[in-house]
Each structure stands twice: as structure tokens, then as C-alpha cells.
Amino acid sequence: MQSHHKDSNASRTDRNESRDMTAAQRFFNIPELVSLLCTCCTTERIDLITLASVSKFLRAVALPHWVRYLDLALSSADKKLNFFVENPSLLSHIRYLRIRDEYYSENRNFDGESPVHPHL
């Protein structure tokens, strides 16, 4: 009987704490909703970085979504390499990797086949 009384008090306390939380606090306490939010932010990747900068908790949730579709410009390869050296646990979250050479891309003509020769 005493055990039931303790359980009911704990349950009542949990409900009261939940009632005292704001809607935002309740939202961010549900990992599935936070993950869904990150998934929605993948089209605007800067939003994921902004979200990751809010707290350690959101950083841990948002960065795996950010690296899932990794666009690697050769000019920033060293910087990204250093990032992954510091955060090796994120490597397993990469699903798609696009490597591009912006210099080569910028020096191609509009048909994308032959290099641009501006002085010819």
C-alpha cells in the first residue's frame, strides 16, 4: 500500500512539473520531435548550424543531420578535415558526399563541357 502511495505521488509530481514547462520546453524534451525539426532544417543547412550553436544538447542532435549530406568544396577541405578530426563520431553519419572544385567549375563555359578561354 505504501509503495502505491509513493508511485502516485511521483506521478503527480511529474504531471505538475510537466504542467509548469513551457510548450518549447516540452517540445525539446521529446527527442523524436527535435530530430524531426533537424530533418526539416536540412534544406537550409545554415539553420542546422544555427540550431547547433544554441546548446550542447542541440549541437549533439543537429550536427549529425548537418553532416549527412556533406558538400565539400576543395577550398575548404582542410577546415572540414580539422572539424572531423575534432569530432570523429560524426563520420559515421555521412551518407552522401559531394566533392567539388570551385575553381574548375568557375572556369567552364555555359555548356559545361569546355574550359572558358576569355582571351581567345
PDB file of N, CA and C in Angstrom:
ATOM      1  N   MET A   1       0.820  -1.190   0.000  1.00  0.00           N
ATOM      2  CA  MET A   1       0.000   0.000   0.000  1.00  0.00           C
ATOM      3  C   MET A   1       0.869   1.261   0.000  1.00  0.00           C
ATOM      4  N   GLN A   2       1.906   1.229   0.798  1.00  0.00           N
ATOM      5  CA  GLN A   2       2.791   2.386   0.882  1.00  0.00           C
ATOM      6  C   GLN A   2       3.513   2.610  -0.453  1.00  0.00           C
ATOM      7  N   SER A   3       3.880   1.534  -1.149  1.00  0.00           N
ATOM      8  CA  SER A   3       4.538   1.637  -2.452  1.00  0.00           C
ATOM      9  C   SER A   3       3.623   2.317  -3.464  1.00  0.00           C
ATOM     10  N   HIS A   4       2.347   1.961  -3.453  1.00  0.00           N
ATOM     11  CA  HIS A   4       1.384   2.569  -4.370  1.00  0.00           C
ATOM     12  C   HIS A   4       1.268   4.070  -4.096  1.00  0.00           C
ATOM     13  N   HIS A   5       1.274   4.439  -2.822  1.00  0.00           N
ATOM     14  CA  HIS A   5       1.175   5.845  -2.432  1.00  0.00           C
ATOM     15  C   HIS A   5       2.384   6.636  -2.948  1.00  0.00           C
ATOM     16  N   LYS A   6       3.583   6.054  -2.851  1.00  0.00           N
ATOM     17  CA  LYS A   6       4.799   6.708  -3.353  1.00  0.00           C
ATOM     18  C   LYS A   6       4.736   6.868  -4.864  1.00  0.00           C
ATOM     19  N   ASP A   7       4.274   5.820  -5.580  1.00  0.00           N
ATOM     20  CA  ASP A   7       4.166   5.884  -7.037  1.00  0.00           C
ATOM     21  C   ASP A   7       3.191   6.969  -7.459  1.00  0.00           C
ATOM     22  N   SER A   8       2.078   7.077  -6.749  1.00  0.00           N
ATOM     23  CA  SER A   8       1.086   8.066  -7.116  1.00  0.00           C
ATOM     24  C   SER A   8       1.594   9.478  -6.835  1.00  0.00           C
ATOM     25  N   ASN A   9       2.363   9.666  -5.777  1.00  0.00           N
ATOM     26  CA  ASN A   9       2.969  10.974  -5.503  1.00  0.00           C
ATOM     27  C   ASN A   9       3.996  11.336  -6.565  1.00  0.00           C
ATOM     28  N   ALA A  10       4.801  10.369  -6.988  1.00  0.00           N
ATOM     29  CA  ALA A  10       5.806  10.608  -8.036  1.00  0.00           C
ATOM     30  C   ALA A  10       5.118  10.966  -9.341  1.00  0.00           C
ATOM     31  N   SER A  11       4.037  10.266  -9.648  1.00  0.00           N
ATOM     32  CA  SER A  11       3.293  10.532 -10.874  1.00  0.00           C
ATOM     33  C   SER A  11       2.696  11.939 -10.836  1.00  0.00           C
ATOM     34  N   ARG A  12       2.146  12.321  -9.690  1.00  0.00           N
ATOM     35  CA  ARG A  12       1.562  13.653  -9.527  1.00  0.00           C
ATOM     36  C   ARG A  12       2.644  14.724  -9.673  1.00  0.00           C
ATOM     37  N   THR A  13       3.817  14.487  -9.116  1.00  0.00           N
ATOM     38  CA  THR A  13       4.934  15.426  -9.224  1.00  0.00           C
ATOM     39  C   THR A  13       5.362  15.576 -10.677  1.00  0.00           C
ATOM     40  N   ASP A  14       5.453  14.457 -11.414  1.00  0.00           N
ATOM     41  CA  ASP A  14       5.816  14.507 -12.834  1.00  0.00           C
ATOM     42  C   ASP A  14       4.806  15.331 -13.624  1.00  0.00           C
ATOM     43  N   ARG A  15       3.506  15.135 -13.329  1.00  0.00           N
ATOM     44  CA  ARG A  15       2.467  15.894 -14.038  1.00  0.00           C
ATOM     45  C   ARG A  15       2.576  17.379 -13.722  1.00  0.00           C
ATOM     46  N   ASN A  16       2.834  17.709 -12.469  1.00  0.00           N
ATOM     47  CA  ASN A  16       2.967  19.117 -12.085  1.00  0.00           C
ATOM     48  C   ASN A  16       4.175  19.758 -12.758  1.00  0.00           C
ATOM     49  N   GLU A  17       5.290  19.036 -12.807  1.00  0.00           N
ATOM     50  CA  GLU A  17       6.486  19.561 -13.478  1.00  0.00           C
ATOM     51  C   GLU A  17       6.214  19.748 -14.960  1.00  0.00           C
ATOM     52  N   SER A  18       5.513  18.804 -15.567  1.00  0.00           N
ATOM     53  CA  SER A  18       5.182  18.900 -16.985  1.00  0.00           C
ATOM     54  C   SER A  18       4.276  20.100 -17.243  1.00  0.00           C
ATOM     55  N   ARG A  19       3.341  20.339 -16.335  1.00  0.00           N
ATOM     56  CA  ARG A  19       2.424  21.466 -16.475  1.00  0.00           C
ATOM     57  C   ARG A  19       3.165  22.791 -16.354  1.00  0.00           C
ATOM     58  N   ASP A  20       4.216  22.828 -15.549  1.00  0.00           N
ATOM     59  CA  ASP A  20       4.978  24.055 -15.340  1.00  0.00           C
ATOM     60  C   ASP A  20       5.923  24.369 -16.498  1.00  0.00           C
ATOM     61  N   MET A  21       6.158  23.403 -17.376  1.00  0.00           N
ATOM     62  CA  MET A  21       7.069  23.607 -18.508  1.00  0.00           C
ATOM     63  C   MET A  21       6.358  24.390 -19.608  1.00  0.00           C
ATOM     64  N   THR A  22       7.120  25.195 -20.325  1.00  0.00           N
ATOM     65  CA  THR A  22       6.559  25.885 -21.482  1.00  0.00           C
ATOM     66  C   THR A  22       6.394  24.886 -22.616  1.00  0.00           C
ATOM     67  N   ALA A  23       5.654  25.283 -23.637  1.00  0.00           N
ATOM     68  CA  ALA A  23       5.464  24.415 -24.801  1.00  0.00           C
ATOM     69  C   ALA A  23       6.810  24.119 -25.462  1.00  0.00           C
ATOM     70  N   ALA A  24       7.682  25.118 -25.514  1.00  0.00           N
ATOM     71  CA  ALA A  24       9.006  24.914 -26.118  1.00  0.00           C
ATOM     72  C   ALA A  24       9.822  23.907 -25.319  1.00  0.00           C
ATOM     73  N   GLN A  25       9.761  24.002 -23.999  1.00  0.00           N
ATOM     74  CA  GLN A  25      10.498  23.044 -23.166  1.00  0.00           C
ATOM     75  C   GLN A  25       9.959  21.632 -23.357  1.00  0.00           C
ATOM     76  N   ARG A  26       8.649  21.488 -23.437  1.00  0.00           N
ATOM     77  CA  ARG A  26       8.074  20.157 -23.666  1.00  0.00           C
ATOM     78  C   ARG A  26       8.494  19.629 -25.034  1.00  0.00           C
ATOM     79  N   PHE A  27       8.491  20.509 -26.054  1.00  0.00           N
ATOM     80  CA  PHE A  27       8.896  20.108 -27.408  1.00  0.00           C
ATOM     81  C   PHE A  27      10.333  19.593 -27.403  1.00  0.00           C
ATOM     82  N   PHE A  28      11.248  20.352 -26.810  1.00  0.00           N
ATOM     83  CA  PHE A  28      12.661  19.978 -26.837  1.00  0.00           C
ATOM     84  C   PHE A  28      12.992  18.825 -25.896  1.00  0.00           C
ATOM     85  N   ASN A  29      12.065  18.416 -25.072  1.00  0.00           N
ATOM     86  CA  ASN A  29      12.252  17.232 -24.233  1.00  0.00           C
ATOM     87  C   ASN A  29      11.847  15.949 -24.943  1.00  0.00           C
ATOM     88  N   ILE A  30      11.335  16.060 -26.160  1.00  0.00           N
ATOM     89  CA  ILE A  30      10.943  14.877 -26.934  1.00  0.00           C
ATOM     90  C   ILE A  30      11.955  14.704 -28.064  1.00  0.00           C
ATOM     91  N   PRO A  31      12.899  13.770 -27.929  1.00  0.00           N
ATOM     92  CA  PRO A  31      13.981  13.612 -28.914  1.00  0.00           C
ATOM     93  C   PRO A  31      13.486  13.406 -30.345  1.00  0.00           C
ATOM     94  N   GLU A  32      12.377  12.709 -30.522  1.00  0.00           N
ATOM     95  CA  GLU A  32      11.855  12.464 -31.867  1.00  0.00           C
ATOM     96  C   GLU A  32      11.442  13.768 -32.543  1.00  0.00           C
ATOM     97  N   LEU A  33      10.866  14.696 -31.780  1.00  0.00           N
ATOM     98  CA  LEU A  33      10.466  15.985 -32.351  1.00  0.00           C
ATOM     99  C   LEU A  33      11.680  16.836 -32.703  1.00  0.00           C
ATOM    100  N   VAL A  34      12.686  16.812 -31.863  1.00  0.00           N
ATOM    101  CA  VAL A  34      13.911  17.572 -32.143  1.00  0.00           C
ATOM    102  C   VAL A  34      14.589  17.016 -33.395  1.00  0.00           C
ATOM    103  N   SER A  35      14.615  15.705 -33.524  1.00  0.00           N
ATOM    104  CA  SER A  35      15.201  15.084 -34.712  1.00  0.00           C
ATOM    105  C   SER A  35      14.402  15.453 -35.965  1.00  0.00           C
ATOM    106  N   LEU A  36      13.086  15.474 -35.851  1.00  0.00           N
ATOM    107  CA  LEU A  36      12.238  15.872 -36.978  1.00  0.00           C
ATOM    108  C   LEU A  36      12.497  17.326 -37.360  1.00  0.00           C
ATOM    109  N   LEU A  37      12.664  18.185 -36.378  1.00  0.00           N
ATOM    110  CA  LEU A  37      12.999  19.585 -36.641  1.00  0.00           C
ATOM    111  C   LEU A  37      14.307  19.685 -37.420  1.00  0.00           C
ATOM    112  N   CYS A  38      15.306  18.919 -37.011  1.00  0.00           N
ATOM    113  CA  CYS A  38      16.601  18.919 -37.707  1.00  0.00           C
ATOM    114  C   CYS A  38      16.448  18.424 -39.139  1.00  0.00           C
ATOM    115  N   THR A  39      15.634  17.416 -39.340  1.00  0.00           N
ATOM    116  CA  THR A  39      15.395  16.898 -40.686  1.00  0.00           C
ATOM    117  C   THR A  39      14.778  17.982 -41.568  1.00  0.00           C
ATOM    118  N   CYS A  40      13.855  18.754 -41.017  1.00  0.00           N
ATOM    119  CA  CYS A  40      13.226  19.844 -41.774  1.00  0.00           C
ATOM    120  C   CYS A  40      14.220  20.958 -42.096  1.00  0.00           C
ATOM    121  N   CYS A  41      15.237  21.104 -41.289  1.00  0.00           N
ATOM    122  CA  CYS A  41      16.237  22.164 -41.489  1.00  0.00           C
ATOM    123  C   CYS A  41      17.336  21.772 -42.471  1.00  0.00           C
ATOM    124  N   THR A  42      17.336  20.544 -42.969  1.00  0.00           N
ATOM    125  CA  THR A  42      18.447  20.121 -43.829  1.00  0.00           C
ATOM    126  C   THR A  42      18.482  20.866 -45.152  1.00  0.00           C
ATOM    127  N   THR A  43      17.347  21.398 -45.634  1.00  0.00           N
ATOM    128  CA  THR A  43      17.384  22.136 -46.896  1.00  0.00           C
ATOM    129  C   THR A  43      18.095  23.477 -46.735  1.00  0.00           C
ATOM    130  N   GLU A  44      17.924  24.110 -45.604  1.00  0.00           N
ATOM    131  CA  GLU A  44      18.644  25.351 -45.299  1.00  0.00           C
ATOM    132  C   GLU A  44      19.709  25.004 -44.266  1.00  0.00           C
ATOM    133  N   ARG A  45      20.835  24.557 -44.735  1.00  0.00           N
ATOM    134  CA  ARG A  45      21.865  23.998 -43.858  1.00  0.00           C
ATOM    135  C   ARG A  45      22.369  24.998 -42.816  1.00  0.00           C
ATOM    136  N   ILE A  46      22.295  26.273 -43.124  1.00  0.00           N
ATOM    137  CA  ILE A  46      22.722  27.278 -42.149  1.00  0.00           C
ATOM    138  C   ILE A  46      21.829  27.224 -40.916  1.00  0.00           C
ATOM    139  N   ASP A  47      20.561  26.833 -41.095  1.00  0.00           N
ATOM    140  CA  ASP A  47      19.651  26.708 -39.953  1.00  0.00           C
ATOM    141  C   ASP A  47      20.115  25.611 -38.999  1.00  0.00           C
ATOM    142  N   LEU A  48      20.675  24.541 -39.541  1.00  0.00           N
ATOM    143  CA  LEU A  48      21.204  23.472 -38.684  1.00  0.00           C
ATOM    144  C   LEU A  48      22.397  23.962 -37.869  1.00  0.00           C
ATOM    145  N   ILE A  49      23.244  24.750 -38.494  1.00  0.00           N
ATOM    146  CA  ILE A  49      24.406  25.295 -37.783  1.00  0.00           C
ATOM    147  C   ILE A  49      23.935  26.255 -36.690  1.00  0.00           C
ATOM    148  N   THR A  50      22.949  27.075 -37.009  1.00  0.00           N
ATOM    149  CA  THR A  50      22.397  27.991 -36.010  1.00  0.00           C
ATOM    150  C   THR A  50      21.788  27.215 -34.854  1.00  0.00           C
ATOM    151  N   LEU A  51      21.020  26.183 -35.173  1.00  0.00           N
ATOM    152  CA  LEU A  51      20.413  25.344 -34.141  1.00  0.00           C
ATOM    153  C   LEU A  51      21.491  24.668 -33.288  1.00  0.00           C
ATOM    154  N   ALA A  52      22.547  24.202 -33.927  1.00  0.00           N
ATOM    155  CA  ALA A  52      23.635  23.528 -33.205  1.00  0.00           C
ATOM    156  C   ALA A  52      24.365  24.475 -32.257  1.00  0.00           C
ATOM    157  N   SER A  53      24.320  25.763 -32.536  1.00  0.00           N
ATOM    158  CA  SER A  53      25.036  26.725 -31.692  1.00  0.00           C
ATOM    159  C   SER A  53      24.249  27.138 -30.445  1.00  0.00           C
ATOM    160  N   VAL A  54      23.012  26.676 -30.322  1.00  0.00           N
ATOM    161  CA  VAL A  54      22.162  27.079 -29.196  1.00  0.00           C
ATOM    162  C   VAL A  54      22.585  26.429 -27.883  1.00  0.00           C
ATOM    163  N   SER A  55      22.869  25.133 -27.922  1.00  0.00           N
ATOM    164  CA  SER A  55      23.237  24.433 -26.686  1.00  0.00           C
ATOM    165  C   SER A  55      24.001  23.157 -27.026  1.00  0.00           C
ATOM    166  N   LYS A  56      24.633  22.582 -26.022  1.00  0.00           N
ATOM    167  CA  LYS A  56      25.349  21.318 -26.232  1.00  0.00           C
ATOM    168  C   LYS A  56      24.384  20.216 -26.636  1.00  0.00           C
ATOM    169  N   PHE A  57      23.200  20.209 -26.045  1.00  0.00           N
ATOM    170  CA  PHE A  57      22.191  19.205 -26.381  1.00  0.00           C
ATOM    171  C   PHE A  57      21.802  19.306 -27.856  1.00  0.00           C
ATOM    172  N   LEU A  58      21.487  20.523 -28.320  1.00  0.00           N
ATOM    173  CA  LEU A  58      21.079  20.692 -29.719  1.00  0.00           C
ATOM    174  C   LEU A  58      22.242  20.468 -30.674  1.00  0.00           C
ATOM    175  N   ARG A  59      23.447  20.784 -30.254  1.00  0.00           N
ATOM    176  CA  ARG A  59      24.623  20.512 -31.090  1.00  0.00           C
ATOM    177  C   ARG A  59      24.743  19.012 -31.348  1.00  0.00           C
ATOM    178  N   ALA A  60      24.564  18.226 -30.294  1.00  0.00           N
ATOM    179  CA  ALA A  60      24.676  16.768 -30.426  1.00  0.00           C
ATOM    180  C   ALA A  60      23.596  16.194 -31.332  1.00  0.00           C
ATOM    181  N   VAL A  61      22.452  16.845 -31.399  1.00  0.00           N
ATOM    182  CA  VAL A  61      21.357  16.360 -32.241  1.00  0.00           C
ATOM    183  C   VAL A  61      21.473  16.905 -33.667  1.00  0.00           C
ATOM    184  N   ALA A  62      21.834  18.183 -33.818  1.00  0.00           N
ATOM    185  CA  ALA A  62      21.814  18.837 -35.128  1.00  0.00           C
ATOM    186  C   ALA A  62      23.010  18.489 -36.018  1.00  0.00           C
ATOM    187  N   LEU A  63      24.198  18.366 -35.449  1.00  0.00           N
ATOM    188  CA  LEU A  63      25.379  18.123 -36.290  1.00  0.00           C
ATOM    189  C   LEU A  63      25.324  16.813 -37.077  1.00  0.00           C
ATOM    190  N   PRO A  64      24.822  15.718 -36.528  1.00  0.00           N
ATOM    191  CA  PRO A  64      24.704  14.513 -37.360  1.00  0.00           C
ATOM    192  C   PRO A  64      23.801  14.717 -38.585  1.00  0.00           C
ATOM    193  N   HIS A  65      22.783  15.558 -38.443  1.00  0.00           N
ATOM    194  CA  HIS A  65      21.927  15.872 -39.596  1.00  0.00           C
ATOM    195  C   HIS A  65      22.687  16.733 -40.600  1.00  0.00           C
ATOM    196  N   TRP A  66      23.511  17.642 -40.091  1.00  0.00           N
ATOM    197  CA  TRP A  66      24.270  18.532 -40.962  1.00  0.00           C
ATOM    198  C   TRP A  66      25.280  17.763 -41.812  1.00  0.00           C
ATOM    199  N   VAL A  67      25.941  16.764 -41.236  1.00  0.00           N
ATOM    200  CA  VAL A  67      26.967  16.035 -41.988  1.00  0.00           C
ATOM    201  C   VAL A  67      26.386  14.944 -42.878  1.00  0.00           C
ATOM    202  N   ARG A  68      25.117  14.628 -42.729  1.00  0.00           N
ATOM    203  CA  ARG A  68      24.510  13.553 -43.527  1.00  0.00           C
ATOM    204  C   ARG A  68      24.695  13.807 -45.024  1.00  0.00           C
ATOM    205  N   TYR A  69      24.432  15.036 -45.473  1.00  0.00           N
ATOM    206  CA  TYR A  69      24.620  15.418 -46.878  1.00  0.00           C
ATOM    207  C   TYR A  69      25.763  16.416 -46.915  1.00  0.00           C
ATOM    208  N   LEU A  70      26.961  15.926 -47.021  1.00  0.00           N
ATOM    209  CA  LEU A  70      28.144  16.777 -46.904  1.00  0.00           C
ATOM    210  C   LEU A  70      28.589  17.265 -48.274  1.00  0.00           C
ATOM    211  N   ASP A  71      28.643  18.570 -48.418  1.00  0.00           N
ATOM    212  CA  ASP A  71      29.109  19.217 -49.639  1.00  0.00           C
ATOM    213  C   ASP A  71      30.505  19.746 -49.340  1.00  0.00           C
ATOM    214  N   LEU A  72      31.499  19.172 -49.988  1.00  0.00           N
ATOM    215  CA  LEU A  72      32.889  19.508 -49.690  1.00  0.00           C
ATOM    216  C   LEU A  72      33.518  20.258 -50.858  1.00  0.00           C
ATOM    217  N   ALA A  73      33.723  21.547 -50.656  1.00  0.00           N
ATOM    218  CA  ALA A  73      34.461  22.347 -51.629  1.00  0.00           C
ATOM    219  C   ALA A  73      35.944  22.136 -51.346  1.00  0.00           C
ATOM    220  N   LEU A  74      36.721  21.944 -52.393  1.00  0.00           N
ATOM    221  CA  LEU A  74      38.148  21.683 -52.190  1.00  0.00           C
ATOM    222  C   LEU A  74      38.845  22.812 -51.442  1.00  0.00           C
ATOM    223  N   SER A  75      38.359  24.039 -51.638  1.00  0.00           N
ATOM    224  CA  SER A  75      38.994  25.172 -50.956  1.00  0.00           C
ATOM    225  C   SER A  75      38.802  25.120 -49.437  1.00  0.00           C
ATOM    226  N   SER A  76      37.788  24.396 -48.972  1.00  0.00           N
ATOM    227  CA  SER A  76      37.553  24.315 -47.524  1.00  0.00           C
ATOM    228  C   SER A  76      37.838  22.917 -46.973  1.00  0.00           C
ATOM    229  N   ALA A  77      38.498  22.082 -47.753  1.00  0.00           N
ATOM    230  CA  ALA A  77      38.738  20.695 -47.343  1.00  0.00           C
ATOM    231  C   ALA A  77      39.572  20.605 -46.064  1.00  0.00           C
ATOM    232  N   ASP A  78      40.601  21.429 -45.937  1.00  0.00           N
ATOM    233  CA  ASP A  78      41.439  21.388 -44.726  1.00  0.00           C
ATOM    234  C   ASP A  78      40.632  21.745 -43.480  1.00  0.00           C
ATOM    235  N   LYS A  79      39.785  22.757 -43.618  1.00  0.00           N
ATOM    236  CA  LYS A  79      38.961  23.195 -42.498  1.00  0.00           C
ATOM    237  C   LYS A  79      37.985  22.083 -42.077  1.00  0.00           C
ATOM    238  N   LYS A  80      37.367  21.440 -43.071  1.00  0.00           N
ATOM    239  CA  LYS A  80      36.431  20.348 -42.757  1.00  0.00           C
ATOM    240  C   LYS A  80      37.181  19.149 -42.181  1.00  0.00           C
ATOM    241  N   LEU A  81      38.376  18.874 -42.685  1.00  0.00           N
ATOM    242  CA  LEU A  81      39.169  17.772 -42.145  1.00  0.00           C
ATOM    243  C   LEU A  81      39.456  18.010 -40.664  1.00  0.00           C
ATOM    244  N   ASN A  82      39.854  19.220 -40.328  1.00  0.00           N
ATOM    245  CA  ASN A  82      40.110  19.554 -38.921  1.00  0.00           C
ATOM    246  C   ASN A  82      38.854  19.389 -38.073  1.00  0.00           C
ATOM    247  N   PHE A  83      37.709  19.771 -38.639  1.00  0.00           N
ATOM    248  CA  PHE A  83      36.439  19.616 -37.923  1.00  0.00           C
ATOM    249  C   PHE A  83      36.186  18.143 -37.599  1.00  0.00           C
ATOM    250  N   PHE A  84      36.428  17.260 -38.577  1.00  0.00           N
ATOM    251  CA  PHE A  84      36.178  15.836 -38.350  1.00  0.00           C
ATOM    252  C   PHE A  84      37.253  15.183 -37.479  1.00  0.00           C
ATOM    253  N   VAL A  85      38.453  15.723 -37.485  1.00  0.00           N
ATOM    254  CA  VAL A  85      39.484  15.234 -36.559  1.00  0.00           C
ATOM    255  C   VAL A  85      39.042  15.530 -35.125  1.00  0.00           C
ATOM    256  N   GLU A  86      38.445  16.696 -34.922  1.00  0.00           N
ATOM    257  CA  GLU A  86      37.962  17.076 -33.592  1.00  0.00           C
ATOM    258  C   GLU A  86      36.648  16.389 -33.220  1.00  0.00           C
ATOM    259  N   ASN A  87      35.882  15.930 -34.227  1.00  0.00           N
ATOM    260  CA  ASN A  87      34.570  15.311 -33.990  1.00  0.00           C
ATOM    261  C   ASN A  87      34.452  13.993 -34.752  1.00  0.00           C
ATOM    262  N   PRO A  88      35.296  13.017 -34.469  1.00  0.00           N
ATOM    263  CA  PRO A  88      35.306  11.780 -35.258  1.00  0.00           C
ATOM    264  C   PRO A  88      33.999  10.980 -35.185  1.00  0.00           C
ATOM    265  N   SER A  89      33.213  11.161 -34.150  1.00  0.00           N
ATOM    266  CA  SER A  89      31.955  10.415 -34.039  1.00  0.00           C
ATOM    267  C   SER A  89      30.953  10.809 -35.125  1.00  0.00           C
ATOM    268  N   LEU A  90      31.154  11.959 -35.755  1.00  0.00           N
ATOM    269  CA  LEU A  90      30.236  12.394 -36.811  1.00  0.00           C
ATOM    270  C   LEU A  90      30.488  11.695 -38.145  1.00  0.00           C
ATOM    271  N   LEU A  91      31.656  11.101 -38.315  1.00  0.00           N
ATOM    272  CA  LEU A  91      31.988  10.451 -39.590  1.00  0.00           C
ATOM    273  C   LEU A  91      30.985   9.375 -39.976  1.00  0.00           C
ATOM    274  N   SER A  92      30.500   8.644 -39.020  1.00  0.00           N
ATOM    275  CA  SER A  92      29.560   7.555 -39.324  1.00  0.00           C
ATOM    276  C   SER A  92      28.197   8.064 -39.776  1.00  0.00           C
ATOM    277  N   HIS A  93      27.935   9.365 -39.634  1.00  0.00           N
ATOM    278  CA  HIS A  93      26.642   9.930 -40.033  1.00  0.00           C
ATOM    279  C   HIS A  93      26.635  10.412 -41.481  1.00  0.00           C
ATOM    280  N   ILE A  94      27.793  10.458 -42.134  1.00  0.00           N
ATOM    281  CA  ILE A  94      27.853  10.909 -43.526  1.00  0.00           C
ATOM    282  C   ILE A  94      27.230   9.838 -44.414  1.00  0.00           C
ATOM    283  N   ARG A  95      26.221  10.236 -45.194  1.00  0.00           N
ATOM    284  CA  ARG A  95      25.568   9.311 -46.123  1.00  0.00           C
ATOM    285  C   ARG A  95      25.858   9.674 -47.572  1.00  0.00           C
ATOM    286  N   TYR A  96      25.975  10.967 -47.853  1.00  0.00           N
ATOM    287  CA  TYR A  96      26.232  11.445 -49.210  1.00  0.00           C
ATOM    288  C   TYR A  96      27.351  12.475 -49.147  1.00  0.00           C
ATOM    289  N   LEU A  97      28.308  12.314 -50.044  1.00  0.00           N
ATOM    290  CA  LEU A  97      29.448  13.225 -50.061  1.00  0.00           C
ATOM    291  C   LEU A  97      29.604  13.785 -51.466  1.00  0.00           C
ATOM    292  N   ARG A  98      29.551  15.089 -51.579  1.00  0.00           N
ATOM    293  CA  ARG A  98      29.761  15.768 -52.854  1.00  0.00           C
ATOM    294  C   ARG A  98      31.068  16.535 -52.739  1.00  0.00           C
ATOM    295  N   ILE A  99      32.015  16.214 -53.619  1.00  0.00           N
ATOM    296  CA  ILE A  99      33.302  16.908 -53.634  1.00  0.00           C
ATOM    297  C   ILE A  99      33.335  17.749 -54.897  1.00  0.00           C
ATOM    298  N   ARG A 100      33.605  19.023 -54.726  1.00  0.00           N
ATOM    299  CA  ARG A 100      33.612  19.900 -55.901  1.00  0.00           C
ATOM    300  C   ARG A 100      34.824  20.822 -55.886  1.00  0.00           C
ATOM    301  N   ASP A 101      35.260  21.115 -57.084  1.00  0.00           N
ATOM    302  CA  ASP A 101      36.384  22.021 -57.287  1.00  0.00           C
ATOM    303  C   ASP A 101      35.811  23.326 -57.825  1.00  0.00           C
ATOM    304  N   GLU A 102      35.643  24.309 -56.953  1.00  0.00           N
ATOM    305  CA  GLU A 102      35.027  25.553 -57.395  1.00  0.00           C
ATOM    306  C   GLU A 102      35.847  26.282 -58.452  1.00  0.00           C
ATOM    307  N   TYR A 103      37.163  26.180 -58.388  1.00  0.00           N
ATOM    308  CA  TYR A 103      37.997  26.846 -59.386  1.00  0.00           C
ATOM    309  C   TYR A 103      37.722  26.269 -60.768  1.00  0.00           C
ATOM    310  N   TYR A 104      37.679  24.960 -60.868  1.00  0.00           N
ATOM    311  CA  TYR A 104      37.416  24.302 -62.145  1.00  0.00           C
ATOM    312  C   TYR A 104      36.013  24.643 -62.636  1.00  0.00           C
ATOM    313  N   SER A 105      35.043  24.626 -61.737  1.00  0.00           N
ATOM    314  CA  SER A 105      33.658  24.921 -62.107  1.00  0.00           C
ATOM    315  C   SER A 105      33.500  26.355 -62.592  1.00  0.00           C
ATOM    316  N   GLU A 106      34.187  27.291 -61.966  1.00  0.00           N
ATOM    317  CA  GLU A 106      34.081  28.700 -62.350  1.00  0.00           C
ATOM    318  C   GLU A 106      34.732  28.977 -63.697  1.00  0.00           C
ATOM    319  N   ASN A 107      35.665  28.159 -64.123  1.00  0.00           N
ATOM    320  CA  ASN A 107      36.378  28.388 -65.372  1.00  0.00           C
ATOM    321  C   ASN A 107      35.870  27.513 -66.508  1.00  0.00           C
ATOM    322  N   ARG A 108      34.612  27.139 -66.450  1.00  0.00           N
ATOM    323  CA  ARG A 108      33.980  26.372 -67.526  1.00  0.00           C
ATOM    324  C   ARG A 108      32.957  27.282 -68.184  1.00  0.00           C
ATOM    325  N   ASN A 109      32.741  27.085 -69.483  1.00  0.00           N
ATOM    326  CA  ASN A 109      31.746  27.934 -70.136  1.00  0.00           C
ATOM    327  C   ASN A 109      30.337  27.429 -69.846  1.00  0.00           C
ATOM    328  N   PHE A 110      29.350  28.090 -70.412  1.00  0.00           N
ATOM    329  CA  PHE A 110      27.960  27.807 -70.074  1.00  0.00           C
ATOM    330  C   PHE A 110      27.501  26.409 -70.460  1.00  0.00           C
ATOM    331  N   ASP A 111      28.127  25.752 -71.440  1.00  0.00           N
ATOM    332  CA  ASP A 111      27.668  24.408 -71.806  1.00  0.00           C
ATOM    333  C   ASP A 111      28.260  23.341 -70.886  1.00  0.00           C
ATOM    334  N   GLY A 112      29.182  23.739 -70.020  1.00  0.00           N
ATOM    335  CA  GLY A 112      29.730  22.825 -69.033  1.00  0.00           C
ATOM    336  C   GLY A 112      30.695  21.807 -69.595  1.00  0.00           C
ATOM    337  N   GLU A 113      31.032  21.897 -70.859  1.00  0.00           N
ATOM    338  CA  GLU A 113      31.889  20.885 -71.476  1.00  0.00           C
ATOM    339  C   GLU A 113      33.322  21.359 -71.674  1.00  0.00           C
ATOM    340  N   SER A 114      33.502  22.563 -72.153  1.00  0.00           N
ATOM    341  CA  SER A 114      34.858  23.000 -72.464  1.00  0.00           C
ATOM    342  C   SER A 114      35.265  24.166 -71.571  1.00  0.00           C
ATOM    343  N   PRO A 115      36.552  24.243 -71.278  1.00  0.00           N
ATOM    344  CA  PRO A 115      37.025  25.355 -70.451  1.00  0.00           C
ATOM    345  C   PRO A 115      36.814  26.689 -71.156  1.00  0.00           C
ATOM    346  N   VAL A 116      36.599  27.705 -70.378  1.00  0.00           N
ATOM    347  CA  VAL A 116      36.444  29.049 -70.917  1.00  0.00           C
ATOM    348  C   VAL A 116      37.829  29.600 -71.220  1.00  0.00           C
ATOM    349  N   HIS A 117      37.970  30.179 -72.389  1.00  0.00           N
ATOM    350  CA  HIS A 117      39.215  30.846 -72.772  1.00  0.00           C
ATOM    351  C   HIS A 117      38.849  32.298 -73.058  1.00  0.00           C
ATOM    352  N   PRO A 118      38.861  33.148 -72.043  1.00  0.00           N
ATOM    353  CA  PRO A 118      38.354  34.507 -72.198  1.00  0.00           C
ATOM    354  C   PRO A 118      39.144  35.371 -73.170  1.00  0.00           C
ATOM    355  N   HIS A 119      40.377  35.037 -73.446  1.00  0.00           N
ATOM    356  CA  HIS A 119      41.189  35.900 -74.311  1.00  0.00           C
ATOM    357  C   HIS A 119      41.339  35.341 -75.711  1.00  0.00           C
ATOM    358  N   LEU A 120      40.582  34.361 -76.082  1.00  0.00           N
ATOM    359  CA  LEU A 120      40.688  33.807 -77.439  1.00  0.00           C
ATOM    360  C   LEU A 120      39.699  34.418 -78.372  1.00  0.00           C
TER     361      LEU A 120
END
